[in-house]
Amino acid sequence: MNSSRTAAAKSSASKKMASAVLDSSAILAVLNAEPGADVVESMMDDALISTVNYAEVVAKLVERGSTALAAQTALQSIAVTTVDFDIALAQRTGGLRRETMRRGLSLGDRACLALAEREGVPALTGDRSWIGVVSDVEIRLIR
């Protein structure tokens, strides 16, 4: 697994098993002090985020008026472990399209689910439409 920490304090990825994979909504809850942030913060030390979801968070912050540099700085401040979106994740993410299409899940949503499935850990999200969409992935709502 290619992974990296987004802050210098966590520059080497831990060899212990991850506790969860974070959706963009979970990261945004922390960065914006939204409801559910406490749930996410309690799992951040050993949680993962796909680089696809990392890009989504940067894009959402930029949409809301941040600069790309400020968005990256904000993400570095929470020190989440990122996992590169490799070919295996890309294939599974694409393969999830059929079973998630009716619920309107995005590419980023599917990337999060694919990573959680591969790692065998829950996916944390604020999106209720994920419940039961992929039988092999436990979904934990943050709010």
N, C-alpha and C. Protein backbone atom coordinates (compact mmCIF):
# COMPACT_ATOMS: atom_id res chain seq x y z
N MET A 1 0.85 -1.18 0.00
CA MET A 1 0.00 0.00 0.00
C MET A 1 0.89 1.23 0.00
N ASN A 2 0.69 2.11 -0.93
CA ASN A 2 1.38 3.39 -0.93
C ASN A 2 0.57 4.35 -0.10
N SER A 3 1.13 4.79 0.99
CA SER A 3 0.41 5.75 1.82
C SER A 3 1.38 6.77 2.37
N SER A 4 0.84 7.92 2.71
CA SER A 4 1.66 8.96 3.29
C SER A 4 0.83 9.77 4.26
N ARG A 5 1.49 10.35 5.23
CA ARG A 5 0.81 11.23 6.18
C ARG A 5 0.83 12.62 5.59
N THR A 6 -0.18 13.41 5.89
CA THR A 6 -0.23 14.74 5.33
C THR A 6 0.42 15.78 6.24
N ALA A 7 1.00 15.37 7.33
CA ALA A 7 1.69 16.31 8.20
C ALA A 7 3.05 15.72 8.57
N ALA A 8 4.01 16.59 8.79
CA ALA A 8 5.35 16.14 9.11
C ALA A 8 5.37 15.28 10.37
N ALA A 9 4.53 15.57 11.33
CA ALA A 9 4.49 14.82 12.58
C ALA A 9 4.11 13.36 12.34
N LYS A 10 3.48 13.09 11.23
CA LYS A 10 3.06 11.72 10.92
C LYS A 10 3.59 11.34 9.55
N SER A 11 4.89 11.53 9.35
CA SER A 11 5.46 11.34 8.02
C SER A 11 5.65 9.88 7.64
N SER A 12 5.66 8.99 8.60
CA SER A 12 5.79 7.59 8.24
C SER A 12 4.50 6.86 8.57
N ALA A 13 3.99 6.13 7.60
CA ALA A 13 2.72 5.42 7.78
C ALA A 13 2.89 4.31 8.81
N SER A 14 1.91 4.15 9.63
CA SER A 14 1.92 3.13 10.66
C SER A 14 1.72 1.76 10.04
N LYS A 15 2.32 0.74 10.66
CA LYS A 15 2.14 -0.62 10.18
C LYS A 15 0.93 -1.27 10.83
N LYS A 16 0.33 -0.63 11.84
CA LYS A 16 -0.85 -1.21 12.46
C LYS A 16 -2.06 -1.02 11.54
N MET A 17 -3.04 -1.84 11.77
CA MET A 17 -4.23 -1.81 10.91
C MET A 17 -5.00 -0.51 11.10
N ALA A 18 -5.53 -0.02 10.01
CA ALA A 18 -6.35 1.19 10.06
C ALA A 18 -7.66 0.89 10.79
N SER A 19 -8.23 1.93 11.37
CA SER A 19 -9.51 1.78 12.07
C SER A 19 -10.69 2.07 11.16
N ALA A 20 -10.48 2.90 10.13
CA ALA A 20 -11.57 3.31 9.25
C ALA A 20 -11.00 4.02 8.04
N VAL A 21 -11.86 4.18 7.04
CA VAL A 21 -11.56 5.01 5.88
C VAL A 21 -12.53 6.18 5.93
N LEU A 22 -12.01 7.38 5.74
CA LEU A 22 -12.81 8.60 5.86
C LEU A 22 -13.28 9.10 4.50
N ASP A 23 -14.55 9.40 4.42
CA ASP A 23 -15.13 10.04 3.25
C ASP A 23 -14.82 11.54 3.34
N SER A 24 -14.96 12.21 2.22
CA SER A 24 -14.74 13.66 2.20
C SER A 24 -15.62 14.38 3.22
N SER A 25 -16.86 13.94 3.38
CA SER A 25 -17.77 14.59 4.33
C SER A 25 -17.24 14.49 5.76
N ALA A 26 -16.55 13.41 6.08
CA ALA A 26 -15.98 13.25 7.41
C ALA A 26 -14.84 14.24 7.64
N ILE A 27 -13.98 14.39 6.66
CA ILE A 27 -12.87 15.34 6.76
C ILE A 27 -13.40 16.77 6.84
N LEU A 28 -14.38 17.08 6.01
CA LEU A 28 -14.97 18.43 6.02
C LEU A 28 -15.64 18.73 7.35
N ALA A 29 -16.22 17.72 7.98
CA ALA A 29 -16.83 17.92 9.30
C ALA A 29 -15.78 18.38 10.31
N VAL A 30 -14.60 17.77 10.24
CA VAL A 30 -13.51 18.16 11.16
C VAL A 30 -13.02 19.57 10.82
N LEU A 31 -12.74 19.81 9.56
CA LEU A 31 -12.18 21.11 9.16
C LEU A 31 -13.13 22.27 9.41
N ASN A 32 -14.44 22.02 9.32
CA ASN A 32 -15.44 23.07 9.49
C ASN A 32 -16.14 23.04 10.84
N ALA A 33 -15.65 22.21 11.76
CA ALA A 33 -16.25 22.06 13.10
C ALA A 33 -17.75 21.81 13.01
N GLU A 34 -18.12 20.88 12.13
CA GLU A 34 -19.53 20.52 11.92
C GLU A 34 -19.93 19.39 12.85
N PRO A 35 -21.23 19.16 12.98
CA PRO A 35 -21.69 17.99 13.76
C PRO A 35 -21.04 16.72 13.22
N GLY A 36 -20.61 15.86 14.12
CA GLY A 36 -19.94 14.62 13.75
C GLY A 36 -18.43 14.72 13.78
N ALA A 37 -17.90 15.93 13.90
CA ALA A 37 -16.44 16.10 13.92
C ALA A 37 -15.81 15.31 15.06
N ASP A 38 -16.48 15.26 16.20
CA ASP A 38 -15.93 14.54 17.36
C ASP A 38 -15.80 13.05 17.07
N VAL A 39 -16.74 12.48 16.34
CA VAL A 39 -16.69 11.06 15.97
C VAL A 39 -15.47 10.82 15.09
N VAL A 40 -15.27 11.67 14.11
CA VAL A 40 -14.15 11.53 13.18
C VAL A 40 -12.83 11.73 13.92
N GLU A 41 -12.75 12.76 14.73
CA GLU A 41 -11.50 13.05 15.46
C GLU A 41 -11.08 11.89 16.34
N SER A 42 -12.04 11.16 16.89
CA SER A 42 -11.70 10.04 17.77
C SER A 42 -11.05 8.88 17.01
N MET A 43 -11.15 8.89 15.68
CA MET A 43 -10.59 7.80 14.88
C MET A 43 -9.47 8.26 13.95
N MET A 44 -9.13 9.53 13.96
CA MET A 44 -8.18 10.09 12.99
C MET A 44 -6.78 9.49 13.07
N ASP A 45 -6.32 9.12 14.24
CA ASP A 45 -4.93 8.68 14.35
C ASP A 45 -4.59 7.49 13.50
N ASP A 46 -5.55 6.63 13.26
CA ASP A 46 -5.25 5.46 12.43
C ASP A 46 -6.27 5.26 11.32
N ALA A 47 -6.85 6.37 10.86
CA ALA A 47 -7.79 6.33 9.74
C ALA A 47 -7.05 6.64 8.43
N LEU A 48 -7.67 6.25 7.34
CA LEU A 48 -7.11 6.47 6.00
C LEU A 48 -8.06 7.31 5.17
N ILE A 49 -7.51 7.98 4.16
CA ILE A 49 -8.32 8.66 3.16
C ILE A 49 -7.66 8.43 1.80
N SER A 50 -8.48 8.12 0.82
CA SER A 50 -8.00 7.96 -0.55
C SER A 50 -7.56 9.32 -1.08
N THR A 51 -6.57 9.31 -1.96
CA THR A 51 -6.15 10.56 -2.59
C THR A 51 -7.28 11.18 -3.42
N VAL A 52 -8.23 10.36 -3.87
CA VAL A 52 -9.39 10.90 -4.58
C VAL A 52 -10.23 11.75 -3.63
N ASN A 53 -10.46 11.25 -2.42
CA ASN A 53 -11.23 12.02 -1.44
C ASN A 53 -10.45 13.25 -0.95
N TYR A 54 -9.13 13.12 -0.87
CA TYR A 54 -8.29 14.26 -0.53
C TYR A 54 -8.52 15.38 -1.55
N ALA A 55 -8.52 15.00 -2.84
CA ALA A 55 -8.76 15.99 -3.90
C ALA A 55 -10.15 16.60 -3.78
N GLU A 56 -11.13 15.79 -3.43
CA GLU A 56 -12.49 16.31 -3.24
C GLU A 56 -12.55 17.36 -2.14
N VAL A 57 -11.84 17.10 -1.05
CA VAL A 57 -11.83 18.06 0.06
C VAL A 57 -11.17 19.36 -0.38
N VAL A 58 -10.04 19.27 -1.07
CA VAL A 58 -9.38 20.49 -1.58
C VAL A 58 -10.35 21.25 -2.48
N ALA A 59 -11.01 20.54 -3.39
CA ALA A 59 -11.94 21.19 -4.32
C ALA A 59 -13.09 21.86 -3.58
N LYS A 60 -13.64 21.20 -2.57
CA LYS A 60 -14.76 21.78 -1.82
C LYS A 60 -14.31 23.03 -1.06
N LEU A 61 -13.13 23.00 -0.48
CA LEU A 61 -12.63 24.18 0.24
C LEU A 61 -12.38 25.34 -0.72
N VAL A 62 -11.85 25.03 -1.90
CA VAL A 62 -11.62 26.06 -2.92
C VAL A 62 -12.96 26.64 -3.39
N GLU A 63 -13.94 25.77 -3.60
CA GLU A 63 -15.29 26.23 -3.97
C GLU A 63 -15.85 27.23 -2.97
N ARG A 64 -15.51 27.01 -1.71
CA ARG A 64 -16.02 27.86 -0.63
C ARG A 64 -15.15 29.08 -0.37
N GLY A 65 -14.18 29.35 -1.26
CA GLY A 65 -13.41 30.57 -1.17
C GLY A 65 -11.98 30.45 -0.71
N SER A 66 -11.55 29.26 -0.36
CA SER A 66 -10.17 29.05 0.07
C SER A 66 -9.25 29.03 -1.16
N THR A 67 -7.97 29.29 -0.94
CA THR A 67 -6.99 29.06 -2.00
C THR A 67 -6.58 27.59 -1.93
N ALA A 68 -6.01 27.08 -3.00
CA ALA A 68 -5.55 25.69 -2.99
C ALA A 68 -4.49 25.48 -1.91
N LEU A 69 -3.60 26.45 -1.74
CA LEU A 69 -2.56 26.35 -0.72
C LEU A 69 -3.16 26.32 0.68
N ALA A 70 -4.14 27.18 0.94
CA ALA A 70 -4.80 27.19 2.25
C ALA A 70 -5.53 25.88 2.51
N ALA A 71 -6.13 25.32 1.47
CA ALA A 71 -6.83 24.04 1.61
C ALA A 71 -5.83 22.93 1.95
N GLN A 72 -4.71 22.92 1.27
CA GLN A 72 -3.69 21.91 1.55
C GLN A 72 -3.13 22.07 2.96
N THR A 73 -2.95 23.30 3.39
CA THR A 73 -2.47 23.56 4.75
C THR A 73 -3.48 23.07 5.78
N ALA A 74 -4.75 23.29 5.52
CA ALA A 74 -5.80 22.81 6.43
C ALA A 74 -5.76 21.29 6.54
N LEU A 75 -5.61 20.61 5.42
CA LEU A 75 -5.53 19.15 5.44
C LEU A 75 -4.27 18.67 6.16
N GLN A 76 -3.17 19.35 5.97
CA GLN A 76 -1.94 18.98 6.67
C GLN A 76 -2.10 19.13 8.18
N SER A 77 -2.91 20.08 8.60
CA SER A 77 -3.07 20.33 10.03
C SER A 77 -3.79 19.19 10.75
N ILE A 78 -4.55 18.39 10.02
CA ILE A 78 -5.24 17.28 10.69
C ILE A 78 -4.51 15.95 10.54
N ALA A 79 -3.47 15.92 9.75
CA ALA A 79 -2.55 14.78 9.68
C ALA A 79 -3.23 13.44 9.45
N VAL A 80 -4.00 13.35 8.40
CA VAL A 80 -4.64 12.10 8.04
C VAL A 80 -3.73 11.32 7.08
N THR A 81 -3.77 10.00 7.15
CA THR A 81 -2.96 9.17 6.27
C THR A 81 -3.66 9.02 4.93
N THR A 82 -2.97 9.39 3.87
CA THR A 82 -3.54 9.26 2.53
C THR A 82 -3.05 7.96 1.88
N VAL A 83 -3.90 7.41 1.04
CA VAL A 83 -3.56 6.19 0.31
C VAL A 83 -3.70 6.49 -1.17
N ASP A 84 -2.63 6.25 -1.92
CA ASP A 84 -2.65 6.50 -3.36
C ASP A 84 -3.73 5.67 -4.05
N PHE A 85 -4.38 6.28 -5.01
CA PHE A 85 -5.42 5.63 -5.80
C PHE A 85 -4.74 4.82 -6.90
N ASP A 86 -4.49 3.54 -6.61
CA ASP A 86 -3.77 2.68 -7.54
C ASP A 86 -4.73 1.99 -8.51
N ILE A 87 -4.18 1.17 -9.40
CA ILE A 87 -4.99 0.53 -10.43
C ILE A 87 -6.02 -0.43 -9.84
N ALA A 88 -5.66 -1.14 -8.78
CA ALA A 88 -6.62 -2.06 -8.15
C ALA A 88 -7.80 -1.30 -7.57
N LEU A 89 -7.53 -0.18 -6.91
CA LEU A 89 -8.62 0.65 -6.38
C LEU A 89 -9.44 1.25 -7.51
N ALA A 90 -8.77 1.65 -8.58
CA ALA A 90 -9.48 2.23 -9.72
C ALA A 90 -10.43 1.20 -10.34
N GLN A 91 -9.96 -0.02 -10.47
CA GLN A 91 -10.81 -1.07 -11.04
C GLN A 91 -12.02 -1.36 -10.15
N ARG A 92 -11.80 -1.46 -8.85
CA ARG A 92 -12.92 -1.75 -7.94
C ARG A 92 -13.88 -0.57 -7.88
N THR A 93 -13.33 0.65 -7.88
CA THR A 93 -14.17 1.85 -7.86
C THR A 93 -15.08 1.87 -9.09
N GLY A 94 -14.52 1.59 -10.24
CA GLY A 94 -15.33 1.52 -11.46
C GLY A 94 -16.35 0.40 -11.39
N GLY A 95 -15.95 -0.72 -10.83
CA GLY A 95 -16.85 -1.86 -10.70
C GLY A 95 -18.02 -1.62 -9.76
N LEU A 96 -17.86 -0.70 -8.83
CA LEU A 96 -18.95 -0.38 -7.89
C LEU A 96 -20.03 0.49 -8.52
N ARG A 97 -19.80 0.97 -9.72
CA ARG A 97 -20.75 1.90 -10.36
C ARG A 97 -22.16 1.31 -10.45
N ARG A 98 -22.27 0.09 -10.92
CA ARG A 98 -23.60 -0.51 -11.11
C ARG A 98 -24.38 -0.59 -9.80
N GLU A 99 -23.74 -1.07 -8.74
CA GLU A 99 -24.48 -1.25 -7.49
C GLU A 99 -24.71 0.05 -6.71
N THR A 100 -24.04 1.12 -7.10
CA THR A 100 -24.22 2.39 -6.40
C THR A 100 -24.95 3.44 -7.22
N MET A 101 -25.18 3.16 -8.48
CA MET A 101 -25.76 4.15 -9.41
C MET A 101 -27.12 4.66 -8.93
N ARG A 102 -27.98 3.76 -8.49
CA ARG A 102 -29.33 4.17 -8.08
C ARG A 102 -29.32 5.15 -6.91
N ARG A 103 -28.29 5.10 -6.11
CA ARG A 103 -28.21 6.00 -4.95
C ARG A 103 -27.40 7.25 -5.24
N GLY A 104 -26.88 7.37 -6.45
CA GLY A 104 -26.20 8.59 -6.85
C GLY A 104 -24.81 8.78 -6.26
N LEU A 105 -24.13 7.70 -5.89
CA LEU A 105 -22.80 7.85 -5.31
C LEU A 105 -21.80 8.31 -6.36
N SER A 106 -20.95 9.23 -5.96
CA SER A 106 -19.95 9.82 -6.85
C SER A 106 -18.71 8.93 -6.97
N LEU A 107 -17.82 9.32 -7.85
CA LEU A 107 -16.54 8.64 -7.98
C LEU A 107 -15.81 8.63 -6.63
N GLY A 108 -15.79 9.77 -5.96
CA GLY A 108 -15.13 9.86 -4.66
C GLY A 108 -15.77 8.94 -3.62
N ASP A 109 -17.09 8.88 -3.62
CA ASP A 109 -17.80 7.98 -2.70
C ASP A 109 -17.37 6.53 -2.94
N ARG A 110 -17.34 6.16 -4.22
CA ARG A 110 -16.96 4.79 -4.57
C ARG A 110 -15.49 4.51 -4.27
N ALA A 111 -14.64 5.51 -4.42
CA ALA A 111 -13.21 5.34 -4.08
C ALA A 111 -13.06 5.06 -2.59
N CYS A 112 -13.83 5.77 -1.78
CA CYS A 112 -13.81 5.56 -0.33
C CYS A 112 -14.29 4.15 0.00
N LEU A 113 -15.39 3.74 -0.60
CA LEU A 113 -15.92 2.39 -0.36
C LEU A 113 -14.94 1.31 -0.80
N ALA A 114 -14.31 1.49 -1.95
CA ALA A 114 -13.35 0.51 -2.45
C ALA A 114 -12.16 0.37 -1.50
N LEU A 115 -11.67 1.48 -0.99
CA LEU A 115 -10.55 1.43 -0.04
C LEU A 115 -10.97 0.76 1.26
N ALA A 116 -12.15 1.10 1.78
CA ALA A 116 -12.64 0.48 3.01
C ALA A 116 -12.80 -1.03 2.82
N GLU A 117 -13.32 -1.41 1.67
CA GLU A 117 -13.49 -2.83 1.38
C GLU A 117 -12.14 -3.54 1.33
N ARG A 118 -11.18 -2.94 0.64
CA ARG A 118 -9.86 -3.56 0.53
C ARG A 118 -9.17 -3.69 1.89
N GLU A 119 -9.31 -2.66 2.72
CA GLU A 119 -8.66 -2.67 4.03
C GLU A 119 -9.44 -3.47 5.08
N GLY A 120 -10.71 -3.77 4.78
CA GLY A 120 -11.54 -4.52 5.73
C GLY A 120 -11.93 -3.71 6.95
N VAL A 121 -12.13 -2.41 6.75
CA VAL A 121 -12.49 -1.51 7.86
C VAL A 121 -13.74 -0.71 7.47
N PRO A 122 -14.41 -0.11 8.46
CA PRO A 122 -15.60 0.69 8.16
C PRO A 122 -15.27 1.96 7.38
N ALA A 123 -16.26 2.45 6.66
CA ALA A 123 -16.18 3.75 6.00
C ALA A 123 -16.98 4.74 6.83
N LEU A 124 -16.38 5.88 7.17
CA LEU A 124 -17.07 6.92 7.92
C LEU A 124 -17.55 7.99 6.96
N THR A 125 -18.82 8.34 7.05
CA THR A 125 -19.41 9.32 6.15
C THR A 125 -20.56 10.04 6.84
N GLY A 126 -20.93 11.15 6.28
CA GLY A 126 -22.12 11.87 6.71
C GLY A 126 -23.30 11.61 5.79
N ASP A 127 -23.12 10.75 4.81
CA ASP A 127 -24.11 10.51 3.77
C ASP A 127 -24.92 9.24 4.04
N ARG A 128 -26.16 9.41 4.44
CA ARG A 128 -27.04 8.28 4.78
C ARG A 128 -27.34 7.36 3.60
N SER A 129 -27.21 7.85 2.38
CA SER A 129 -27.53 7.02 1.21
C SER A 129 -26.56 5.85 1.04
N TRP A 130 -25.45 5.86 1.77
CA TRP A 130 -24.48 4.77 1.66
C TRP A 130 -24.93 3.50 2.38
N ILE A 131 -25.83 3.63 3.35
CA ILE A 131 -26.23 2.48 4.17
C ILE A 131 -26.72 1.34 3.29
N GLY A 132 -26.08 0.18 3.43
CA GLY A 132 -26.48 -1.03 2.73
C GLY A 132 -26.16 -1.08 1.26
N VAL A 133 -25.44 -0.11 0.73
CA VAL A 133 -25.19 -0.08 -0.72
C VAL A 133 -24.16 -1.13 -1.15
N VAL A 134 -23.16 -1.38 -0.33
CA VAL A 134 -22.15 -2.40 -0.62
C VAL A 134 -22.12 -3.34 0.59
N SER A 135 -22.56 -4.57 0.38
CA SER A 135 -22.75 -5.49 1.51
C SER A 135 -21.47 -5.81 2.27
N ASP A 136 -20.32 -5.73 1.62
CA ASP A 136 -19.06 -6.09 2.26
C ASP A 136 -18.41 -4.94 3.05
N VAL A 137 -19.05 -3.78 3.08
CA VAL A 137 -18.45 -2.62 3.74
C VAL A 137 -19.39 -2.11 4.83
N GLU A 138 -18.85 -2.03 6.05
CA GLU A 138 -19.61 -1.42 7.15
C GLU A 138 -19.59 0.10 6.99
N ILE A 139 -20.76 0.70 7.06
CA ILE A 139 -20.87 2.15 6.96
C ILE A 139 -21.16 2.70 8.35
N ARG A 140 -20.39 3.68 8.78
CA ARG A 140 -20.64 4.35 10.06
C ARG A 140 -20.94 5.79 9.78
N LEU A 141 -22.14 6.18 10.17
CA LEU A 141 -22.53 7.59 10.00
C LEU A 141 -21.91 8.42 11.11
N ILE A 142 -21.45 9.60 10.74
CA ILE A 142 -20.82 10.47 11.74
C ILE A 142 -21.83 11.38 12.41
N ARG A 143 -23.03 11.47 11.85
CA ARG A 143 -24.08 12.30 12.45
C ARG A 143 -25.45 11.74 12.11
